[in-house]
Each structure stands twice: as C-alpha cells, then as structure tokens.
Amino acid sequence: MARFILVFFISFTIQAQSSKYLELDLEQCLQIALENNLQLKRSIINEQLQKVGYTQSILQQAPTINLFSNYGNNYGRSIDPTTNTYRFIICCFTSMKLKK
C-alpha cells in the first residue's frame, strides 16, 4: 500500500511539473521581454520628462501679463459729531492693476 501511494505521489509530481512550463516561440518571448524590461521603461519615462522640461523652458520665454480688478461696497453707521445723530454711509470702491 505504501508503494502504491509513493508511486502515485511521484507520478502526480512529475505531471504537475511538466504542466508548469509554457511553450512560446521567439516572437512571444521577445514581446514578454520588452514588456518587462525596466531599463526600457525608465528610458521612456526619462524621454517624457525631457519633453515636459523642454516645453516648460519654451513657455518660460513667453511674456506674461496679469490683470487684476477689485470692486466692493462698504456699508456703515457712524455718529455725526456736530448733530450727535447716526449717519448711514455707503462707500463703493474699485481698483484695477496691470502687471507685466
């Protein structure tokens, strides 16, 4: 009985090991190698970073103009010192700024 279990276990192990491997042709192997190549991935990322840096350096040479505007209302109450009564005040303000 022990021999039967041993033979069964060995044959099962051999069969399991033989089914682990895939049969690939050269083209499939090269495709997998290119997909998993870390140096190739790094060089692609470095190329993209260089393109971004180049675009930023070109855009930094362009002139910039900034326009700011502001508008507001102030409402308030104060005491008039001559009549000692409340005075309601409305004040509007605007400002604009152009910066190169």
N, C-alpha and C. Protein backbone atom coordinates (compact mmCIF):
# COMPACT_ATOMS: atom_id res chain seq x y z
N MET A 1 0.81 -1.19 0.00
CA MET A 1 0.00 0.00 0.00
C MET A 1 0.86 1.26 0.00
N ALA A 2 1.95 1.24 0.79
CA ALA A 2 2.83 2.39 0.84
C ALA A 2 3.50 2.62 -0.50
N ARG A 3 3.82 1.53 -1.22
CA ARG A 3 4.43 1.67 -2.55
C ARG A 3 3.45 2.31 -3.51
N PHE A 4 2.21 1.93 -3.43
CA PHE A 4 1.20 2.49 -4.32
C PHE A 4 1.06 4.00 -4.10
N ILE A 5 1.03 4.40 -2.85
CA ILE A 5 0.93 5.84 -2.53
C ILE A 5 2.18 6.56 -3.01
N LEU A 6 3.35 5.99 -2.82
CA LEU A 6 4.59 6.60 -3.25
C LEU A 6 4.63 6.74 -4.77
N VAL A 7 4.25 5.71 -5.50
CA VAL A 7 4.24 5.76 -6.97
C VAL A 7 3.21 6.79 -7.45
N PHE A 8 2.06 6.82 -6.82
CA PHE A 8 1.03 7.79 -7.20
C PHE A 8 1.52 9.22 -6.96
N PHE A 9 2.16 9.47 -5.82
CA PHE A 9 2.65 10.80 -5.48
C PHE A 9 3.74 11.24 -6.44
N ILE A 10 4.67 10.35 -6.79
CA ILE A 10 5.76 10.68 -7.71
C ILE A 10 5.21 10.97 -9.10
N SER A 11 4.28 10.17 -9.58
CA SER A 11 3.73 10.40 -10.93
C SER A 11 2.93 11.71 -10.96
N PHE A 12 2.22 12.03 -9.88
CA PHE A 12 1.46 13.28 -9.82
C PHE A 12 2.40 14.48 -9.81
N THR A 13 3.51 14.38 -9.08
CA THR A 13 4.50 15.46 -9.01
C THR A 13 5.14 15.69 -10.37
N ILE A 14 5.49 14.62 -11.06
CA ILE A 14 6.11 14.75 -12.39
C ILE A 14 5.13 15.38 -13.36
N GLN A 15 3.89 14.98 -13.31
CA GLN A 15 2.89 15.54 -14.22
C GLN A 15 2.64 17.01 -13.90
N ALA A 16 2.62 17.39 -12.64
CA ALA A 16 2.40 18.78 -12.26
C ALA A 16 3.56 19.65 -12.69
N GLN A 17 4.79 19.14 -12.61
CA GLN A 17 5.94 19.92 -13.02
C GLN A 17 5.97 20.09 -14.53
N SER A 18 5.54 19.11 -15.27
CA SER A 18 5.59 19.23 -16.73
C SER A 18 4.54 20.21 -17.25
N SER A 19 3.46 20.43 -16.50
CA SER A 19 2.43 21.35 -16.98
C SER A 19 2.71 22.79 -16.57
N LYS A 20 3.78 23.05 -15.80
CA LYS A 20 4.12 24.41 -15.39
C LYS A 20 4.64 25.26 -16.54
N TYR A 21 5.32 24.67 -17.46
CA TYR A 21 6.03 25.42 -18.49
C TYR A 21 5.14 25.65 -19.70
N LEU A 22 5.29 26.86 -20.24
CA LEU A 22 4.57 27.21 -21.47
C LEU A 22 5.51 27.05 -22.65
N GLU A 23 4.94 26.70 -23.75
CA GLU A 23 5.74 26.64 -24.97
C GLU A 23 5.50 27.94 -25.73
N LEU A 24 6.56 28.73 -25.86
CA LEU A 24 6.48 30.03 -26.52
C LEU A 24 7.45 30.04 -27.69
N ASP A 25 7.07 30.75 -28.73
CA ASP A 25 8.02 30.92 -29.83
C ASP A 25 8.87 32.16 -29.55
N LEU A 26 9.81 32.43 -30.42
CA LEU A 26 10.77 33.52 -30.21
C LEU A 26 10.08 34.88 -30.16
N GLU A 27 9.09 35.09 -30.99
CA GLU A 27 8.40 36.37 -31.03
C GLU A 27 7.67 36.65 -29.72
N GLN A 28 7.01 35.64 -29.16
CA GLN A 28 6.32 35.81 -27.89
C GLN A 28 7.31 36.08 -26.75
N CYS A 29 8.44 35.41 -26.78
CA CYS A 29 9.47 35.63 -25.76
C CYS A 29 10.00 37.05 -25.83
N LEU A 30 10.25 37.54 -27.03
CA LEU A 30 10.73 38.92 -27.18
C LEU A 30 9.69 39.92 -26.72
N GLN A 31 8.43 39.65 -27.02
CA GLN A 31 7.35 40.56 -26.60
C GLN A 31 7.28 40.62 -25.07
N ILE A 32 7.36 39.50 -24.40
CA ILE A 32 7.33 39.47 -22.94
C ILE A 32 8.56 40.18 -22.37
N ALA A 33 9.71 39.97 -22.98
CA ALA A 33 10.93 40.62 -22.50
C ALA A 33 10.84 42.14 -22.65
N LEU A 34 10.29 42.62 -23.75
CA LEU A 34 10.14 44.07 -23.94
C LEU A 34 9.13 44.67 -22.97
N GLU A 35 8.08 43.95 -22.66
CA GLU A 35 7.07 44.45 -21.72
C GLU A 35 7.62 44.54 -20.30
N ASN A 36 8.54 43.66 -19.94
CA ASN A 36 9.04 43.61 -18.56
C ASN A 36 10.44 44.21 -18.40
N ASN A 37 10.97 44.88 -19.42
CA ASN A 37 12.30 45.45 -19.35
C ASN A 37 12.26 46.77 -18.58
N LEU A 38 12.88 46.81 -17.41
CA LEU A 38 12.85 48.00 -16.57
C LEU A 38 13.67 49.15 -17.16
N GLN A 39 14.79 48.83 -17.80
CA GLN A 39 15.60 49.89 -18.40
C GLN A 39 14.84 50.58 -19.53
N LEU A 40 14.09 49.81 -20.29
CA LEU A 40 13.30 50.39 -21.37
C LEU A 40 12.20 51.28 -20.80
N LYS A 41 11.56 50.84 -19.74
CA LYS A 41 10.52 51.66 -19.10
C LYS A 41 11.11 52.95 -18.55
N ARG A 42 12.28 52.87 -17.92
CA ARG A 42 12.93 54.07 -17.38
C ARG A 42 13.30 55.04 -18.50
N SER A 43 13.80 54.53 -19.60
CA SER A 43 14.18 55.42 -20.70
C SER A 43 12.96 56.10 -21.31
N ILE A 44 11.84 55.40 -21.37
CA ILE A 44 10.61 56.02 -21.88
C ILE A 44 10.15 57.13 -20.95
N ILE A 45 10.20 56.87 -19.63
CA ILE A 45 9.80 57.90 -18.66
C ILE A 45 10.76 59.09 -18.73
N ASN A 46 12.06 58.84 -18.85
CA ASN A 46 13.03 59.94 -18.97
C ASN A 46 12.79 60.76 -20.22
N GLU A 47 12.43 60.11 -21.31
CA GLU A 47 12.13 60.84 -22.55
C GLU A 47 10.92 61.75 -22.35
N GLN A 48 9.89 61.25 -21.67
CA GLN A 48 8.71 62.07 -21.41
C GLN A 48 9.06 63.25 -20.50
N LEU A 49 9.91 63.02 -19.50
CA LEU A 49 10.32 64.11 -18.62
C LEU A 49 11.11 65.18 -19.38
N GLN A 50 11.95 64.75 -20.30
CA GLN A 50 12.72 65.70 -21.10
C GLN A 50 11.81 66.54 -21.99
N LYS A 51 10.77 65.92 -22.54
CA LYS A 51 9.81 66.67 -23.36
C LYS A 51 9.07 67.71 -22.53
N VAL A 52 8.68 67.34 -21.31
CA VAL A 52 8.00 68.29 -20.42
C VAL A 52 8.93 69.43 -20.05
N GLY A 53 10.18 69.12 -19.74
CA GLY A 53 11.15 70.16 -19.41
C GLY A 53 11.39 71.11 -20.57
N TYR A 54 11.46 70.57 -21.77
CA TYR A 54 11.66 71.41 -22.96
C TYR A 54 10.46 72.33 -23.16
N THR A 55 9.25 71.79 -23.01
CA THR A 55 8.04 72.61 -23.17
C THR A 55 8.00 73.71 -22.11
N GLN A 56 8.38 73.40 -20.89
CA GLN A 56 8.40 74.41 -19.83
C GLN A 56 9.41 75.51 -20.13
N SER A 57 10.57 75.15 -20.64
CA SER A 57 11.58 76.17 -20.94
C SER A 57 11.13 77.07 -22.09
N ILE A 58 10.41 76.51 -23.05
CA ILE A 58 9.88 77.34 -24.15
C ILE A 58 8.81 78.29 -23.62
N LEU A 59 7.92 77.79 -22.76
CA LEU A 59 6.84 78.62 -22.24
C LEU A 59 7.34 79.69 -21.27
N GLN A 60 8.48 79.49 -20.61
CA GLN A 60 9.02 80.49 -19.71
C GLN A 60 9.55 81.70 -20.46
N GLN A 61 9.84 81.54 -21.74
CA GLN A 61 10.34 82.65 -22.54
C GLN A 61 9.22 83.56 -23.00
N ALA A 62 8.00 83.10 -22.97
CA ALA A 62 6.86 83.90 -23.42
C ALA A 62 6.55 84.97 -22.38
N PRO A 63 6.14 86.17 -22.83
CA PRO A 63 5.80 87.22 -21.87
C PRO A 63 4.49 86.91 -21.15
N THR A 64 4.38 87.43 -19.94
CA THR A 64 3.16 87.24 -19.17
C THR A 64 2.57 88.60 -18.81
N ILE A 65 1.27 88.69 -18.86
CA ILE A 65 0.56 89.90 -18.48
C ILE A 65 -0.55 89.48 -17.52
N ASN A 66 -0.60 90.14 -16.39
CA ASN A 66 -1.63 89.86 -15.39
C ASN A 66 -2.49 91.09 -15.20
N LEU A 67 -3.79 90.91 -15.17
CA LEU A 67 -4.74 91.98 -14.95
C LEU A 67 -5.56 91.64 -13.71
N PHE A 68 -5.55 92.55 -12.74
CA PHE A 68 -6.29 92.36 -11.51
C PHE A 68 -7.36 93.44 -11.41
N SER A 69 -8.53 93.07 -10.94
CA SER A 69 -9.58 94.07 -10.69
C SER A 69 -10.27 93.73 -9.39
N ASN A 70 -10.80 94.77 -8.75
CA ASN A 70 -11.44 94.60 -7.46
C ASN A 70 -12.60 95.58 -7.38
N TYR A 71 -13.69 95.14 -6.82
CA TYR A 71 -14.86 96.01 -6.64
C TYR A 71 -15.50 95.65 -5.31
N GLY A 72 -15.94 96.66 -4.59
CA GLY A 72 -16.57 96.38 -3.32
C GLY A 72 -17.43 97.52 -2.82
N ASN A 73 -18.27 97.22 -1.87
CA ASN A 73 -19.15 98.19 -1.21
C ASN A 73 -18.90 98.12 0.29
N ASN A 74 -18.84 99.26 0.90
CA ASN A 74 -18.76 99.35 2.36
C ASN A 74 -20.03 100.03 2.86
N TYR A 75 -20.68 99.40 3.79
CA TYR A 75 -21.87 99.97 4.42
C TYR A 75 -21.54 100.18 5.89
N GLY A 76 -21.96 101.32 6.43
CA GLY A 76 -21.67 101.53 7.84
C GLY A 76 -22.51 102.64 8.44
N ARG A 77 -22.43 102.69 9.74
CA ARG A 77 -23.14 103.71 10.51
C ARG A 77 -22.13 104.38 11.42
N SER A 78 -22.21 105.67 11.49
CA SER A 78 -21.32 106.40 12.38
C SER A 78 -22.10 107.56 13.02
N ILE A 79 -21.56 108.09 14.08
CA ILE A 79 -22.21 109.21 14.76
C ILE A 79 -21.63 110.51 14.23
N ASP A 80 -22.52 111.39 13.82
CA ASP A 80 -22.11 112.71 13.34
C ASP A 80 -21.78 113.56 14.57
N PRO A 81 -20.53 114.05 14.66
CA PRO A 81 -20.15 114.79 15.87
C PRO A 81 -20.86 116.14 16.03
N THR A 82 -21.35 116.73 14.95
CA THR A 82 -21.99 118.04 15.08
C THR A 82 -23.44 117.92 15.53
N THR A 83 -24.16 116.90 15.03
CA THR A 83 -25.58 116.77 15.38
C THR A 83 -25.84 115.66 16.38
N ASN A 84 -24.86 114.85 16.65
CA ASN A 84 -24.96 113.71 17.57
C ASN A 84 -26.07 112.74 17.16
N THR A 85 -26.19 112.53 15.85
CA THR A 85 -27.14 111.56 15.30
C THR A 85 -26.38 110.54 14.48
N TYR A 86 -27.06 109.42 14.24
CA TYR A 86 -26.45 108.38 13.41
C TYR A 86 -26.47 108.80 11.95
N ARG A 87 -25.39 108.47 11.28
CA ARG A 87 -25.28 108.76 9.86
C ARG A 87 -25.00 107.43 9.15
N PHE A 88 -25.78 107.12 8.12
CA PHE A 88 -25.60 105.89 7.35
C PHE A 88 -24.71 106.21 6.15
N ILE A 89 -23.61 105.46 5.99
CA ILE A 89 -22.64 105.76 4.93
C ILE A 89 -22.54 104.55 4.00
N ILE A 90 -22.58 104.83 2.70
CA ILE A 90 -22.34 103.82 1.67
C ILE A 90 -21.13 104.28 0.88
N CYS A 91 -20.17 103.39 0.78
CA CYS A 91 -18.94 103.71 0.05
C CYS A 91 -18.66 102.59 -0.94
N CYS A 92 -18.46 102.96 -2.18
CA CYS A 92 -18.11 101.99 -3.23
C CYS A 92 -16.66 102.20 -3.62
N PHE A 93 -15.98 101.13 -3.90
CA PHE A 93 -14.59 101.27 -4.35
C PHE A 93 -14.31 100.27 -5.46
N THR A 94 -13.41 100.68 -6.35
CA THR A 94 -12.92 99.83 -7.43
C THR A 94 -11.43 100.04 -7.57
N SER A 95 -10.75 99.02 -8.04
CA SER A 95 -9.33 99.14 -8.33
C SER A 95 -8.98 98.19 -9.46
N MET A 96 -8.02 98.61 -10.26
CA MET A 96 -7.51 97.77 -11.35
C MET A 96 -5.99 97.86 -11.35
N LYS A 97 -5.36 96.77 -11.73
CA LYS A 97 -3.91 96.72 -11.76
C LYS A 97 -3.47 95.87 -12.94
N LEU A 98 -2.52 96.38 -13.68
CA LEU A 98 -1.95 95.64 -14.82
C LEU A 98 -0.49 95.41 -14.52
N LYS A 99 -0.06 94.17 -14.62
CA LYS A 99 1.30 93.81 -14.26
C LYS A 99 1.92 93.02 -15.40
N LYS A 100 3.13 93.39 -15.75
CA LYS A 100 3.87 92.67 -16.79
C LYS A 100 4.80 91.67 -16.20
